[in-house]
Amino acid sequence: CTDKRINQVTPSLFGRFPDAKAMAG
């Protein structure tokens, strides 16, 4: 996948799951 696409997706993803603990849940 392109970095451009990933950079469009990750701001909201990281807003919800900023660290491993958050994503683990």
mmCIF file of all heavy atoms, coordinates in Angstrom:
data_MODEL
# 
_entry.id   MODEL 
# 
loop_
_atom_site.group_PDB 
_atom_site.id 
_atom_site.type_symbol 
_atom_site.label_atom_id 
_atom_site.label_alt_id 
_atom_site.label_comp_id 
_atom_site.label_asym_id 
_atom_site.label_entity_id 
_atom_site.label_seq_id 
_atom_site.pdbx_PDB_ins_code 
_atom_site.Cartn_x 
_atom_site.Cartn_y 
_atom_site.Cartn_z 
_atom_site.occupancy 
_atom_site.B_iso_or_equiv 
_atom_site.pdbx_formal_charge 
_atom_site.auth_seq_id 
_atom_site.auth_comp_id 
_atom_site.auth_asym_id 
_atom_site.auth_atom_id 
_atom_site.pdbx_PDB_model_num 
ATOM 1   N N   . CYS A 1 1  ? 0.858   -1.177 0.000  1.00 0.00 ? 1  CYS A N   1 
ATOM 2   C CA  . CYS A 1 1  ? 0.000   0.000  0.000  1.00 0.00 ? 1  CYS A CA  1 
ATOM 3   C C   . CYS A 1 1  ? 0.898   1.232  0.000  1.00 0.00 ? 1  CYS A C   1 
ATOM 4   O O   . CYS A 1 1  ? 2.052   1.163  0.436  1.00 0.00 ? 1  CYS A O   1 
ATOM 5   C CB  . CYS A 1 1  ? -0.900  -0.005 1.243  1.00 0.00 ? 1  CYS A CB  1 
ATOM 6   S SG  . CYS A 1 1  ? -2.326  1.109  1.143  1.00 0.00 ? 1  CYS A SG  1 
ATOM 7   N N   . THR A 1 2  ? 0.410   2.354  -0.477 1.00 0.00 ? 2  THR A N   1 
ATOM 8   C CA  . THR A 1 2  ? 1.235   3.556  -0.565 1.00 0.00 ? 2  THR A CA  1 
ATOM 9   C C   . THR A 1 2  ? 1.307   4.280  0.775  1.00 0.00 ? 2  THR A C   1 
ATOM 10  O O   . THR A 1 2  ? 0.367   4.238  1.577  1.00 0.00 ? 2  THR A O   1 
ATOM 11  C CB  . THR A 1 2  ? 0.678   4.527  -1.614 1.00 0.00 ? 2  THR A CB  1 
ATOM 12  O OG1 . THR A 1 2  ? -0.607  5.009  -1.176 1.00 0.00 ? 2  THR A OG1 1 
ATOM 13  C CG2 . THR A 1 2  ? 0.524   3.840  -2.965 1.00 0.00 ? 2  THR A CG2 1 
ATOM 14  N N   . ASP A 1 3  ? 2.426   4.959  0.999  1.00 0.00 ? 3  ASP A N   1 
ATOM 15  C CA  . ASP A 1 3  ? 2.554   5.774  2.209  1.00 0.00 ? 3  ASP A CA  1 
ATOM 16  C C   . ASP A 1 3  ? 1.501   6.869  2.240  1.00 0.00 ? 3  ASP A C   1 
ATOM 17  O O   . ASP A 1 3  ? 1.003   7.246  3.311  1.00 0.00 ? 3  ASP A O   1 
ATOM 18  C CB  . ASP A 1 3  ? 3.952   6.398  2.273  1.00 0.00 ? 3  ASP A CB  1 
ATOM 19  C CG  . ASP A 1 3  ? 5.026   5.381  2.630  1.00 0.00 ? 3  ASP A CG  1 
ATOM 20  O OD1 . ASP A 1 3  ? 4.692   4.183  2.786  1.00 0.00 ? 3  ASP A OD1 1 
ATOM 21  O OD2 . ASP A 1 3  ? 6.207   5.770  2.744  1.00 0.00 ? 3  ASP A OD2 1 
ATOM 22  N N   . LYS A 1 4  ? 1.161   7.398  1.068  1.00 0.00 ? 4  LYS A N   1 
ATOM 23  C CA  . LYS A 1 4  ? 0.144   8.447  1.002  1.00 0.00 ? 4  LYS A CA  1 
ATOM 24  C C   . LYS A 1 4  ? -1.173  7.956  1.568  1.00 0.00 ? 4  LYS A C   1 
ATOM 25  O O   . LYS A 1 4  ? -1.825  8.659  2.354  1.00 0.00 ? 4  LYS A O   1 
ATOM 26  C CB  . LYS A 1 4  ? -0.042  8.910  -0.446 1.00 0.00 ? 4  LYS A CB  1 
ATOM 27  C CG  . LYS A 1 4  ? -1.062  10.020 -0.617 1.00 0.00 ? 4  LYS A CG  1 
ATOM 28  C CD  . LYS A 1 4  ? -1.173  10.450 -2.080 1.00 0.00 ? 4  LYS A CD  1 
ATOM 29  C CE  . LYS A 1 4  ? -2.219  11.554 -2.250 1.00 0.00 ? 4  LYS A CE  1 
ATOM 30  N NZ  . LYS A 1 4  ? -2.328  11.970 -3.682 1.00 0.00 ? 4  LYS A NZ  1 
ATOM 31  N N   . ARG A 1 5  ? -1.590  6.764  1.195  1.00 0.00 ? 5  ARG A N   1 
ATOM 32  C CA  . ARG A 1 5  ? -2.831  6.200  1.710  1.00 0.00 ? 5  ARG A CA  1 
ATOM 33  C C   . ARG A 1 5  ? -2.746  5.960  3.210  1.00 0.00 ? 5  ARG A C   1 
ATOM 34  O O   . ARG A 1 5  ? -3.675  6.263  3.957  1.00 0.00 ? 5  ARG A O   1 
ATOM 35  C CB  . ARG A 1 5  ? -3.145  4.894  0.966  1.00 0.00 ? 5  ARG A CB  1 
ATOM 36  C CG  . ARG A 1 5  ? -4.225  4.024  1.608  1.00 0.00 ? 5  ARG A CG  1 
ATOM 37  C CD  . ARG A 1 5  ? -5.548  4.744  1.734  1.00 0.00 ? 5  ARG A CD  1 
ATOM 38  N NE  . ARG A 1 5  ? -6.054  5.179  0.437  1.00 0.00 ? 5  ARG A NE  1 
ATOM 39  C CZ  . ARG A 1 5  ? -7.161  5.912  0.290  1.00 0.00 ? 5  ARG A CZ  1 
ATOM 40  N NH1 . ARG A 1 5  ? -7.840  6.315  1.358  1.00 0.00 ? 5  ARG A NH1 1 
ATOM 41  N NH2 . ARG A 1 5  ? -7.569  6.275  -0.911 1.00 0.00 ? 5  ARG A NH2 1 
ATOM 42  N N   . ILE A 1 6  ? -1.614  5.445  3.664  1.00 0.00 ? 6  ILE A N   1 
ATOM 43  C CA  . ILE A 1 6  ? -1.459  5.171  5.100  1.00 0.00 ? 6  ILE A CA  1 
ATOM 44  C C   . ILE A 1 6  ? -1.531  6.461  5.904  1.00 0.00 ? 6  ILE A C   1 
ATOM 45  O O   . ILE A 1 6  ? -2.156  6.511  6.969  1.00 0.00 ? 6  ILE A O   1 
ATOM 46  C CB  . ILE A 1 6  ? -0.130  4.442  5.377  1.00 0.00 ? 6  ILE A CB  1 
ATOM 47  C CG1 . ILE A 1 6  ? -0.075  3.135  4.580  1.00 0.00 ? 6  ILE A CG1 1 
ATOM 48  C CG2 . ILE A 1 6  ? 0.038   4.179  6.865  1.00 0.00 ? 6  ILE A CG2 1 
ATOM 49  C CD1 . ILE A 1 6  ? -1.268  2.233  4.765  1.00 0.00 ? 6  ILE A CD1 1 
ATOM 50  N N   . ASN A 1 7  ? -0.925  7.530  5.398  1.00 0.00 ? 7  ASN A N   1 
ATOM 51  C CA  . ASN A 1 7  ? -0.961  8.816  6.106  1.00 0.00 ? 7  ASN A CA  1 
ATOM 52  C C   . ASN A 1 7  ? -2.365  9.421  6.150  1.00 0.00 ? 7  ASN A C   1 
ATOM 53  O O   . ASN A 1 7  ? -2.643  10.293 6.979  1.00 0.00 ? 7  ASN A O   1 
ATOM 54  C CB  . ASN A 1 7  ? 0.014   9.801  5.456  1.00 0.00 ? 7  ASN A CB  1 
ATOM 55  C CG  . ASN A 1 7  ? 1.468   9.435  5.708  1.00 0.00 ? 7  ASN A CG  1 
ATOM 56  O OD1 . ASN A 1 7  ? 1.781   8.733  6.677  1.00 0.00 ? 7  ASN A OD1 1 
ATOM 57  N ND2 . ASN A 1 7  ? 2.361   9.898  4.858  1.00 0.00 ? 7  ASN A ND2 1 
ATOM 58  N N   . GLN A 1 8  ? -3.224  8.977  5.256  1.00 0.00 ? 8  GLN A N   1 
ATOM 59  C CA  . GLN A 1 8  ? -4.618  9.431  5.307  1.00 0.00 ? 8  GLN A CA  1 
ATOM 60  C C   . GLN A 1 8  ? -5.414  8.681  6.363  1.00 0.00 ? 8  GLN A C   1 
ATOM 61  O O   . GLN A 1 8  ? -6.386  9.198  6.915  1.00 0.00 ? 8  GLN A O   1 
ATOM 62  C CB  . GLN A 1 8  ? -5.272  9.242  3.928  1.00 0.00 ? 8  GLN A CB  1 
ATOM 63  C CG  . GLN A 1 8  ? -4.715  10.145 2.847  1.00 0.00 ? 8  GLN A CG  1 
ATOM 64  C CD  . GLN A 1 8  ? -5.232  9.796  1.458  1.00 0.00 ? 8  GLN A CD  1 
ATOM 65  O OE1 . GLN A 1 8  ? -5.790  8.713  1.244  1.00 0.00 ? 8  GLN A OE1 1 
ATOM 66  N NE2 . GLN A 1 8  ? -5.047  10.698 0.509  1.00 0.00 ? 8  GLN A NE2 1 
ATOM 67  N N   . VAL A 1 9  ? -4.983  7.472  6.650  1.00 0.00 ? 9  VAL A N   1 
ATOM 68  C CA  . VAL A 1 9  ? -5.713  6.595  7.561  1.00 0.00 ? 9  VAL A CA  1 
ATOM 69  C C   . VAL A 1 9  ? -5.264  6.747  9.015  1.00 0.00 ? 9  VAL A C   1 
ATOM 70  O O   . VAL A 1 9  ? -6.089  6.701  9.939  1.00 0.00 ? 9  VAL A O   1 
ATOM 71  C CB  . VAL A 1 9  ? -5.530  5.123  7.112  1.00 0.00 ? 9  VAL A CB  1 
ATOM 72  C CG1 . VAL A 1 9  ? -5.989  4.144  8.194  1.00 0.00 ? 9  VAL A CG1 1 
ATOM 73  C CG2 . VAL A 1 9  ? -6.271  4.877  5.811  1.00 0.00 ? 9  VAL A CG2 1 
ATOM 74  N N   . THR A 1 10 ? -3.967  6.921  9.234  1.00 0.00 ? 10 THR A N   1 
ATOM 75  C CA  . THR A 1 10 ? -3.432  6.829  10.590 1.00 0.00 ? 10 THR A CA  1 
ATOM 76  C C   . THR A 1 10 ? -3.825  7.960  11.544 1.00 0.00 ? 10 THR A C   1 
ATOM 77  O O   . THR A 1 10 ? -3.896  7.699  12.755 1.00 0.00 ? 10 THR A O   1 
ATOM 78  C CB  . THR A 1 10 ? -1.891  6.695  10.557 1.00 0.00 ? 10 THR A CB  1 
ATOM 79  O OG1 . THR A 1 10 ? -1.331  7.721  9.711  1.00 0.00 ? 10 THR A OG1 1 
ATOM 80  C CG2 . THR A 1 10 ? -1.482  5.325  10.049 1.00 0.00 ? 10 THR A CG2 1 
ATOM 81  N N   . PRO A 1 11 ? -4.091  9.192  11.106 1.00 0.00 ? 11 PRO A N   1 
ATOM 82  C CA  . PRO A 1 11 ? -4.461  10.208 12.112 1.00 0.00 ? 11 PRO A CA  1 
ATOM 83  C C   . PRO A 1 11 ? -5.683  9.809  12.950 1.00 0.00 ? 11 PRO A C   1 
ATOM 84  O O   . PRO A 1 11 ? -5.650  9.919  14.188 1.00 0.00 ? 11 PRO A O   1 
ATOM 85  C CB  . PRO A 1 11 ? -4.739  11.451 11.259 1.00 0.00 ? 11 PRO A CB  1 
ATOM 86  C CG  . PRO A 1 11 ? -3.842  11.297 10.084 1.00 0.00 ? 11 PRO A CG  1 
ATOM 87  C CD  . PRO A 1 11 ? -3.879  9.825  9.778  1.00 0.00 ? 11 PRO A CD  1 
ATOM 88  N N   . SER A 1 12 ? -6.721  9.324  12.311 1.00 0.00 ? 12 SER A N   1 
ATOM 89  C CA  . SER A 1 12 ? -7.898  8.914  13.074 1.00 0.00 ? 12 SER A CA  1 
ATOM 90  C C   . SER A 1 12 ? -7.629  7.625  13.843 1.00 0.00 ? 12 SER A C   1 
ATOM 91  O O   . SER A 1 12 ? -8.115  7.447  14.971 1.00 0.00 ? 12 SER A O   1 
ATOM 92  C CB  . SER A 1 12 ? -9.103  8.745  12.145 1.00 0.00 ? 12 SER A CB  1 
ATOM 93  O OG  . SER A 1 12 ? -8.834  7.800  11.130 1.00 0.00 ? 12 SER A OG  1 
ATOM 94  N N   . LEU A 1 13 ? -6.869  6.710  13.237 1.00 0.00 ? 13 LEU A N   1 
ATOM 95  C CA  . LEU A 1 13 ? -6.523  5.460  13.927 1.00 0.00 ? 13 LEU A CA  1 
ATOM 96  C C   . LEU A 1 13 ? -5.731  5.741  15.198 1.00 0.00 ? 13 LEU A C   1 
ATOM 97  O O   . LEU A 1 13 ? -6.032  5.197  16.265 1.00 0.00 ? 13 LEU A O   1 
ATOM 98  C CB  . LEU A 1 13 ? -5.714  4.560  12.990 1.00 0.00 ? 13 LEU A CB  1 
ATOM 99  C CG  . LEU A 1 13 ? -5.224  3.235  13.581 1.00 0.00 ? 13 LEU A CG  1 
ATOM 100 C CD1 . LEU A 1 13 ? -6.397  2.297  13.855 1.00 0.00 ? 13 LEU A CD1 1 
ATOM 101 C CD2 . LEU A 1 13 ? -4.213  2.567  12.640 1.00 0.00 ? 13 LEU A CD2 1 
ATOM 102 N N   . PHE A 1 14 ? -4.723  6.607  15.094 1.00 0.00 ? 14 PHE A N   1 
ATOM 103 C CA  . PHE A 1 14 ? -3.905  6.921  16.257 1.00 0.00 ? 14 PHE A CA  1 
ATOM 104 C C   . PHE A 1 14 ? -4.640  7.796  17.266 1.00 0.00 ? 14 PHE A C   1 
ATOM 105 O O   . PHE A 1 14 ? -4.320  7.793  18.450 1.00 0.00 ? 14 PHE A O   1 
ATOM 106 C CB  . PHE A 1 14 ? -2.598  7.593  15.825 1.00 0.00 ? 14 PHE A CB  1 
ATOM 107 C CG  . PHE A 1 14 ? -1.688  6.702  15.018 1.00 0.00 ? 14 PHE A CG  1 
ATOM 108 C CD1 . PHE A 1 14 ? -0.787  7.236  14.113 1.00 0.00 ? 14 PHE A CD1 1 
ATOM 109 C CD2 . PHE A 1 14 ? -1.734  5.325  15.162 1.00 0.00 ? 14 PHE A CD2 1 
ATOM 110 C CE1 . PHE A 1 14 ? 0.048   6.419  13.366 1.00 0.00 ? 14 PHE A CE1 1 
ATOM 111 C CE2 . PHE A 1 14 ? -0.898  4.487  14.414 1.00 0.00 ? 14 PHE A CE2 1 
ATOM 112 C CZ  . PHE A 1 14 ? -0.012  5.047  13.523 1.00 0.00 ? 14 PHE A CZ  1 
ATOM 113 N N   . GLY A 1 15 ? -5.611  8.560  16.777 1.00 0.00 ? 15 GLY A N   1 
ATOM 114 C CA  . GLY A 1 15 ? -6.432  9.329  17.704 1.00 0.00 ? 15 GLY A CA  1 
ATOM 115 C C   . GLY A 1 15 ? -7.222  8.428  18.627 1.00 0.00 ? 15 GLY A C   1 
ATOM 116 O O   . GLY A 1 15 ? -7.433  8.733  19.804 1.00 0.00 ? 15 GLY A O   1 
ATOM 117 N N   . ARG A 1 16 ? -7.659  7.296  18.071 1.00 0.00 ? 16 ARG A N   1 
ATOM 118 C CA  . ARG A 1 16 ? -8.435  6.329  18.857 1.00 0.00 ? 16 ARG A CA  1 
ATOM 119 C C   . ARG A 1 16 ? -7.534  5.368  19.616 1.00 0.00 ? 16 ARG A C   1 
ATOM 120 O O   . ARG A 1 16 ? -7.826  4.958  20.740 1.00 0.00 ? 16 ARG A O   1 
ATOM 121 C CB  . ARG A 1 16 ? -9.362  5.548  17.922 1.00 0.00 ? 16 ARG A CB  1 
ATOM 122 C CG  . ARG A 1 16 ? -10.159 4.434  18.600 1.00 0.00 ? 16 ARG A CG  1 
ATOM 123 C CD  . ARG A 1 16 ? -11.137 4.979  19.625 1.00 0.00 ? 16 ARG A CD  1 
ATOM 124 N NE  . ARG A 1 16 ? -11.883 3.891  20.254 1.00 0.00 ? 16 ARG A NE  1 
ATOM 125 C CZ  . ARG A 1 16 ? -11.448 3.182  21.302 1.00 0.00 ? 16 ARG A CZ  1 
ATOM 126 N NH1 . ARG A 1 16 ? -10.261 3.466  21.821 1.00 0.00 ? 16 ARG A NH1 1 
ATOM 127 N NH2 . ARG A 1 16 ? -12.184 2.212  21.807 1.00 0.00 ? 16 ARG A NH2 1 
ATOM 128 N N   . PHE A 1 17 ? -6.442  4.960  18.995 1.00 0.00 ? 17 PHE A N   1 
ATOM 129 C CA  . PHE A 1 17 ? -5.520  3.996  19.596 1.00 0.00 ? 17 PHE A CA  1 
ATOM 130 C C   . PHE A 1 17 ? -4.096  4.561  19.561 1.00 0.00 ? 17 PHE A C   1 
ATOM 131 O O   . PHE A 1 17 ? -3.297  4.207  18.699 1.00 0.00 ? 17 PHE A O   1 
ATOM 132 C CB  . PHE A 1 17 ? -5.560  2.662  18.842 1.00 0.00 ? 17 PHE A CB  1 
ATOM 133 C CG  . PHE A 1 17 ? -6.942  2.098  18.650 1.00 0.00 ? 17 PHE A CG  1 
ATOM 134 C CD1 . PHE A 1 17 ? -7.512  2.053  17.383 1.00 0.00 ? 17 PHE A CD1 1 
ATOM 135 C CD2 . PHE A 1 17 ? -7.660  1.614  19.724 1.00 0.00 ? 17 PHE A CD2 1 
ATOM 136 C CE1 . PHE A 1 17 ? -8.773  1.524  17.197 1.00 0.00 ? 17 PHE A CE1 1 
ATOM 137 C CE2 . PHE A 1 17 ? -8.933  1.090  19.556 1.00 0.00 ? 17 PHE A CE2 1 
ATOM 138 C CZ  . PHE A 1 17 ? -9.494  1.043  18.290 1.00 0.00 ? 17 PHE A CZ  1 
ATOM 139 N N   . PRO A 1 18 ? -3.751  5.439  20.481 1.00 0.00 ? 18 PRO A N   1 
ATOM 140 C CA  . PRO A 1 18 ? -2.450  6.107  20.413 1.00 0.00 ? 18 PRO A CA  1 
ATOM 141 C C   . PRO A 1 18 ? -1.272  5.231  20.823 1.00 0.00 ? 18 PRO A C   1 
ATOM 142 O O   . PRO A 1 18 ? -0.129  5.531  20.473 1.00 0.00 ? 18 PRO A O   1 
ATOM 143 C CB  . PRO A 1 18 ? -2.609  7.272  21.387 1.00 0.00 ? 18 PRO A CB  1 
ATOM 144 C CG  . PRO A 1 18 ? -3.631  6.785  22.380 1.00 0.00 ? 18 PRO A CG  1 
ATOM 145 C CD  . PRO A 1 18 ? -4.585  5.949  21.568 1.00 0.00 ? 18 PRO A CD  1 
ATOM 146 N N   . ASP A 1 19 ? -1.536  4.156  21.554 1.00 0.00 ? 19 ASP A N   1 
ATOM 147 C CA  . ASP A 1 19 ? -0.438  3.324  22.040 1.00 0.00 ? 19 ASP A CA  1 
ATOM 148 C C   . ASP A 1 19 ? -0.863  1.863  22.072 1.00 0.00 ? 19 ASP A C   1 
ATOM 149 O O   . ASP A 1 19 ? -2.013  1.509  21.777 1.00 0.00 ? 19 ASP A O   1 
ATOM 150 C CB  . ASP A 1 19 ? 0.032   3.780  23.425 1.00 0.00 ? 19 ASP A CB  1 
ATOM 151 C CG  . ASP A 1 19 ? -1.118  3.894  24.428 1.00 0.00 ? 19 ASP A CG  1 
ATOM 152 O OD1 . ASP A 1 19 ? -2.066  3.091  24.342 1.00 0.00 ? 19 ASP A OD1 1 
ATOM 153 O OD2 . ASP A 1 19 ? -1.066  4.785  25.292 1.00 0.00 ? 19 ASP A OD2 1 
ATOM 154 N N   . ALA A 1 20 ? 0.089   1.001  22.427 1.00 0.00 ? 20 ALA A N   1 
ATOM 155 C CA  . ALA A 1 20 ? -0.179  -0.437 22.412 1.00 0.00 ? 20 ALA A CA  1 
ATOM 156 C C   . ALA A 1 20 ? -1.280  -0.814 23.389 1.00 0.00 ? 20 ALA A C   1 
ATOM 157 O O   . ALA A 1 20 ? -2.122  -1.683 23.086 1.00 0.00 ? 20 ALA A O   1 
ATOM 158 C CB  . ALA A 1 20 ? 1.105   -1.195 22.725 1.00 0.00 ? 20 ALA A CB  1 
ATOM 159 N N   . LYS A 1 21 ? -1.301  -0.204 24.542 1.00 0.00 ? 21 LYS A N   1 
ATOM 160 C CA  . LYS A 1 21 ? -2.312  -0.540 25.540 1.00 0.00 ? 21 LYS A CA  1 
ATOM 161 C C   . LYS A 1 21 ? -3.713  -0.255 25.013 1.00 0.00 ? 21 LYS A C   1 
ATOM 162 O O   . LYS A 1 21 ? -4.641  -1.060 25.189 1.00 0.00 ? 21 LYS A O   1 
ATOM 163 C CB  . LYS A 1 21 ? -2.064  0.239  26.827 1.00 0.00 ? 21 LYS A CB  1 
ATOM 164 C CG  . LYS A 1 21 ? -3.034  -0.107 27.951 1.00 0.00 ? 21 LYS A CG  1 
ATOM 165 C CD  . LYS A 1 21 ? -2.694  0.645  29.231 1.00 0.00 ? 21 LYS A CD  1 
ATOM 166 C CE  . LYS A 1 21 ? -3.677  0.281  30.342 1.00 0.00 ? 21 LYS A CE  1 
ATOM 167 N NZ  . LYS A 1 21 ? -3.361  1.021  31.593 1.00 0.00 ? 21 LYS A NZ  1 
ATOM 168 N N   . ALA A 1 22 ? -3.887  0.871  24.369 1.00 0.00 ? 22 ALA A N   1 
ATOM 169 C CA  . ALA A 1 22 ? -5.207  1.227  23.831 1.00 0.00 ? 22 ALA A CA  1 
ATOM 170 C C   . ALA A 1 22 ? -5.628  0.255  22.742 1.00 0.00 ? 22 ALA A C   1 
ATOM 171 O O   . ALA A 1 22 ? -6.777  -0.202 22.707 1.00 0.00 ? 22 ALA A O   1 
ATOM 172 C CB  . ALA A 1 22 ? -5.185  2.653  23.301 1.00 0.00 ? 22 ALA A CB  1 
ATOM 173 N N   . MET A 1 23 ? -4.689  -0.090 21.832 1.00 0.00 ? 23 MET A N   1 
ATOM 174 C CA  . MET A 1 23 ? -5.045  -0.996 20.744 1.00 0.00 ? 23 MET A CA  1 
ATOM 175 C C   . MET A 1 23 ? -5.237  -2.420 21.239 1.00 0.00 ? 23 MET A C   1 
ATOM 176 O O   . MET A 1 23 ? -6.034  -3.184 20.671 1.00 0.00 ? 23 MET A O   1 
ATOM 177 C CB  . MET A 1 23 ? -3.990  -0.941 19.644 1.00 0.00 ? 23 MET A CB  1 
ATOM 178 C CG  . MET A 1 23 ? -4.398  -1.668 18.364 1.00 0.00 ? 23 MET A CG  1 
ATOM 179 S SD  . MET A 1 23 ? -3.279  -1.355 16.975 1.00 0.00 ? 23 MET A SD  1 
ATOM 180 C CE  . MET A 1 23 ? -3.746  0.329  16.524 1.00 0.00 ? 23 MET A CE  1 
ATOM 181 N N   . ALA A 1 24 ? -4.534  -2.803 22.290 1.00 0.00 ? 24 ALA A N   1 
ATOM 182 C CA  . ALA A 1 24 ? -4.673  -4.152 22.829 1.00 0.00 ? 24 ALA A CA  1 
ATOM 183 C C   . ALA A 1 24 ? -6.080  -4.397 23.364 1.00 0.00 ? 24 ALA A C   1 
ATOM 184 O O   . ALA A 1 24 ? -6.547  -5.540 23.420 1.00 0.00 ? 24 ALA A O   1 
ATOM 185 C CB  . ALA A 1 24 ? -3.647  -4.388 23.932 1.00 0.00 ? 24 ALA A CB  1 
ATOM 186 N N   . GLY A 1 25 ? -6.766  -3.338 23.768 1.00 0.00 ? 25 GLY A N   1 
ATOM 187 C CA  . GLY A 1 25 ? -8.116  -3.471 24.292 1.00 0.00 ? 25 GLY A CA  1 
ATOM 188 C C   . GLY A 1 25 ? -9.196  -3.412 23.237 1.00 0.00 ? 25 GLY A C   1 
ATOM 189 O O   . GLY A 1 25 ? -10.389 -3.501 23.556 1.00 0.00 ? 25 GLY A O   1 
# 
